[in-house]
Protein backbone atom coordinates (compact mmCIF):
# COMPACT_ATOMS: atom_id res chain seq x y z
CA MET A 1 -3.83 -8.03 16.52
CA GLN A 2 -5.92 -11.21 15.86
CA PRO A 3 -4.74 -13.98 13.49
CA ILE A 4 -5.21 -13.55 9.76
CA GLU A 5 -6.26 -16.60 7.75
CA VAL A 6 -4.88 -16.55 4.11
CA LYS A 7 -5.61 -18.66 0.97
CA VAL A 8 -3.80 -18.76 -2.31
CA ILE A 9 -6.01 -17.80 -5.24
CA ASP A 10 -4.32 -18.30 -8.45
CA LYS A 11 -1.43 -15.60 -8.55
CA GLY A 12 -3.13 -13.53 -5.81
CA PHE A 13 -3.86 -14.23 -2.12
CA SER A 14 -7.03 -14.08 -0.18
CA LEU A 15 -7.46 -12.41 3.13
CA SER A 16 -10.34 -14.38 4.50
CA THR A 17 -10.29 -13.00 8.13
CA PHE A 18 -8.72 -9.58 9.26
CA LYS A 19 -9.94 -9.02 12.71
CA GLY A 20 -7.40 -6.32 13.63
CA GLY A 21 -9.03 -3.95 11.19
CA ASN A 22 -11.95 -3.67 8.76
CA ALA A 23 -11.84 -6.25 6.02
CA MET A 24 -14.00 -3.96 3.85
CA ASN A 25 -11.15 -1.27 3.85
CA PRO A 26 -8.17 -1.69 1.56
CA ILE A 27 -4.89 -1.67 3.43
CA ILE A 28 -1.77 0.16 2.21
CA LEU A 29 1.63 -1.19 3.36
CA PHE A 30 4.43 1.34 2.77
CA ASP A 31 7.99 1.88 3.59
CA GLY A 32 7.99 4.07 6.83
CA GLU A 33 11.61 4.93 6.46
CA CYS A 34 11.33 6.42 2.90
CA ASN A 35 10.40 10.09 2.41
CA PHE A 36 8.88 9.46 -0.83
CA CYS A 37 6.64 6.80 0.53
CA ASP A 38 5.61 8.89 3.46
CA SER A 39 4.78 11.81 1.10
CA SER A 40 2.71 9.29 -1.06
CA VAL A 41 0.81 8.22 1.97
CA GLN A 42 0.17 11.97 2.90
CA PHE A 43 -0.86 12.47 -0.79
CA ILE A 44 -3.41 9.59 -0.55
CA ILE A 45 -4.84 10.80 2.84
CA LYS A 46 -5.47 14.21 1.46
CA ARG A 47 -7.40 12.79 -1.58
CA ASP A 48 -9.16 9.92 0.29
CA LYS A 49 -11.98 11.99 1.63
CA LYS A 50 -14.16 8.81 2.08
CA GLU A 51 -11.39 7.30 4.24
CA VAL A 52 -11.41 4.18 2.16
CA PHE A 53 -7.80 3.32 2.94
CA HIS A 54 -5.95 1.99 6.18
CA PHE A 55 -2.28 2.09 6.36
CA ALA A 56 0.55 0.26 7.93
CA SER A 57 4.26 0.64 7.59
CA LEU A 58 6.26 -2.30 6.41
CA GLN A 59 8.36 -1.91 9.67
CA SER A 60 5.33 -1.99 12.09
CA GLU A 61 4.13 -5.02 13.73
CA ALA A 62 0.81 -5.05 11.76
CA GLY A 63 2.94 -4.63 8.56
CA GLN A 64 5.18 -7.50 9.44
CA GLU A 65 2.38 -9.74 10.24
CA LEU A 66 0.61 -8.97 6.98
CA ILE A 67 3.85 -9.57 5.09
CA LYS A 68 4.51 -12.92 6.87
CA LYS A 69 0.85 -14.03 6.34
CA PHE A 70 0.72 -13.12 2.68
CA ASN A 71 4.29 -14.69 2.16
CA VAL A 72 5.54 -11.43 0.52
CA PRO A 73 9.10 -12.00 -0.81
CA PRO A 74 11.71 -10.08 1.08
CA ASP A 75 12.89 -8.61 -2.15
CA VAL A 76 9.60 -6.84 -3.05
CA ASP A 77 10.42 -3.13 -3.24
CA SER A 78 6.98 -1.86 -3.48
CA MET A 79 4.02 -0.18 -1.97
CA ILE A 80 1.61 -3.01 -1.21
CA LEU A 81 -2.19 -2.87 -1.46
CA ILE A 82 -4.37 -5.41 0.03
CA GLU A 83 -7.93 -5.04 -1.46
CA ASP A 84 -10.91 -7.29 -2.08
CA ASP A 85 -9.04 -10.03 -0.34
CA LYS A 86 -6.09 -9.84 -2.91
CA VAL A 87 -2.44 -8.43 -2.66
CA TYR A 88 -1.21 -6.12 -5.25
CA TYR A 89 2.36 -4.81 -5.89
CA LYS A 90 4.19 -2.14 -7.85
CA SER A 91 2.16 -0.29 -10.61
CA ALA A 92 -0.96 -2.60 -10.00
CA ALA A 93 -1.00 -1.27 -6.49
CA ALA A 94 -0.45 2.22 -7.39
CA LEU A 95 -3.17 2.36 -10.07
CA ARG A 96 -5.70 0.56 -7.93
CA ILE A 97 -5.10 3.13 -5.27
CA SER A 98 -5.55 5.95 -7.65
CA ARG A 99 -9.16 4.85 -8.73
CA HIS A 100 -10.26 5.65 -5.15
CA LEU A 101 -8.85 9.12 -5.01
CA GLU A 102 -10.89 12.39 -5.37
CA GLY A 103 -10.42 14.34 -8.60
CA ALA A 104 -8.70 13.49 -11.95
CA TRP A 105 -6.49 11.02 -10.11
CA LYS A 106 -9.07 8.31 -10.83
CA LEU A 107 -8.14 8.55 -14.60
CA LEU A 108 -4.78 7.04 -13.95
CA TYR A 109 -6.44 3.69 -13.33
CA GLY A 110 -6.94 3.73 -17.23
CA LEU A 111 -3.20 2.91 -17.45
CA THR A 112 -3.85 -0.55 -16.40
CA ILE A 113 -4.40 -1.11 -20.35
CA THR A 114 -0.61 -0.73 -20.50
CA PRO A 115 1.16 -4.10 -20.23
CA SER A 116 2.32 -4.63 -16.65
CA PRO A 117 5.97 -5.28 -17.65
CA ILE A 118 6.15 -1.74 -19.07
CA ARG A 119 4.39 -0.08 -16.03
CA ASN A 120 6.44 -1.98 -13.62
CA ALA A 121 9.76 -1.08 -15.36
CA VAL A 122 8.96 2.55 -14.70
CA TYR A 123 7.85 1.73 -11.18
CA ASP A 124 11.11 -0.18 -10.51
CA ILE A 125 13.17 2.82 -11.53
CA VAL A 126 11.56 5.10 -9.11
CA ALA A 127 11.52 2.35 -6.36
CA LYS A 128 15.18 1.61 -6.80
CA ASN A 129 16.27 5.39 -6.57
CA ARG A 130 13.57 6.72 -4.06
CA MET A 131 16.12 6.74 -1.20
CA LYS A 132 18.86 8.54 -3.30
CA TRP A 133 16.40 10.90 -4.75
CA PHE A 134 14.19 11.65 -1.81
CA GLY A 135 16.15 10.56 1.34
CA LYS A 136 15.30 8.51 4.36
CA LYS A 137 13.24 9.47 7.31
CA ASP A 138 14.78 10.13 10.78
CA SER A 139 11.46 10.29 12.53
CA CYS A 140 7.88 9.85 11.96
CA MET A 141 5.09 12.31 11.84
CA LEU A 142 2.40 11.94 14.64
CA PRO A 143 -0.82 12.22 12.62
CA PRO A 144 -3.94 13.93 14.21
CA PRO A 145 -6.47 11.61 15.87
CA ASN A 146 -8.89 11.53 12.84
CA VAL A 147 -6.01 10.27 10.55
CA ARG A 148 -4.32 8.06 13.31
CA LYS A 149 -7.35 5.77 13.54
CA ARG A 150 -6.54 4.73 9.95
CA PHE A 151 -3.21 3.45 10.82
CA LEU A 152 -2.86 -0.20 11.99
């Protein structure tokens, strides 16, 4: 993977160069050991017919490099979205992802009018309990080639 140049912009971050993938495609970082997170990625893949998203597990080399380059705090317990040169966490990430999905899922993006502390409180409850409720993965699925190309 090539170097990534990062600039701080207000409260977000800028990904000015990403030569290991396509800077035009949003990247979703997810917990590769979490059943709920894996199911969420599979859900997104099924509804992302235009193949907008690329994926990397937080535990992967690409995921670790992105985390390091973006100075993601180690206590962030969230799916992370890198889109339009910015990093989004928690409910902001989930809702921004939903607007790219096929069907009525786009409508969830309207929930961004709800104050983020309220949205994130709900997100945090699920994130805190996801391993207890859904379990931990012992092995990873090997996706078919057409999906594998979207993983960094």
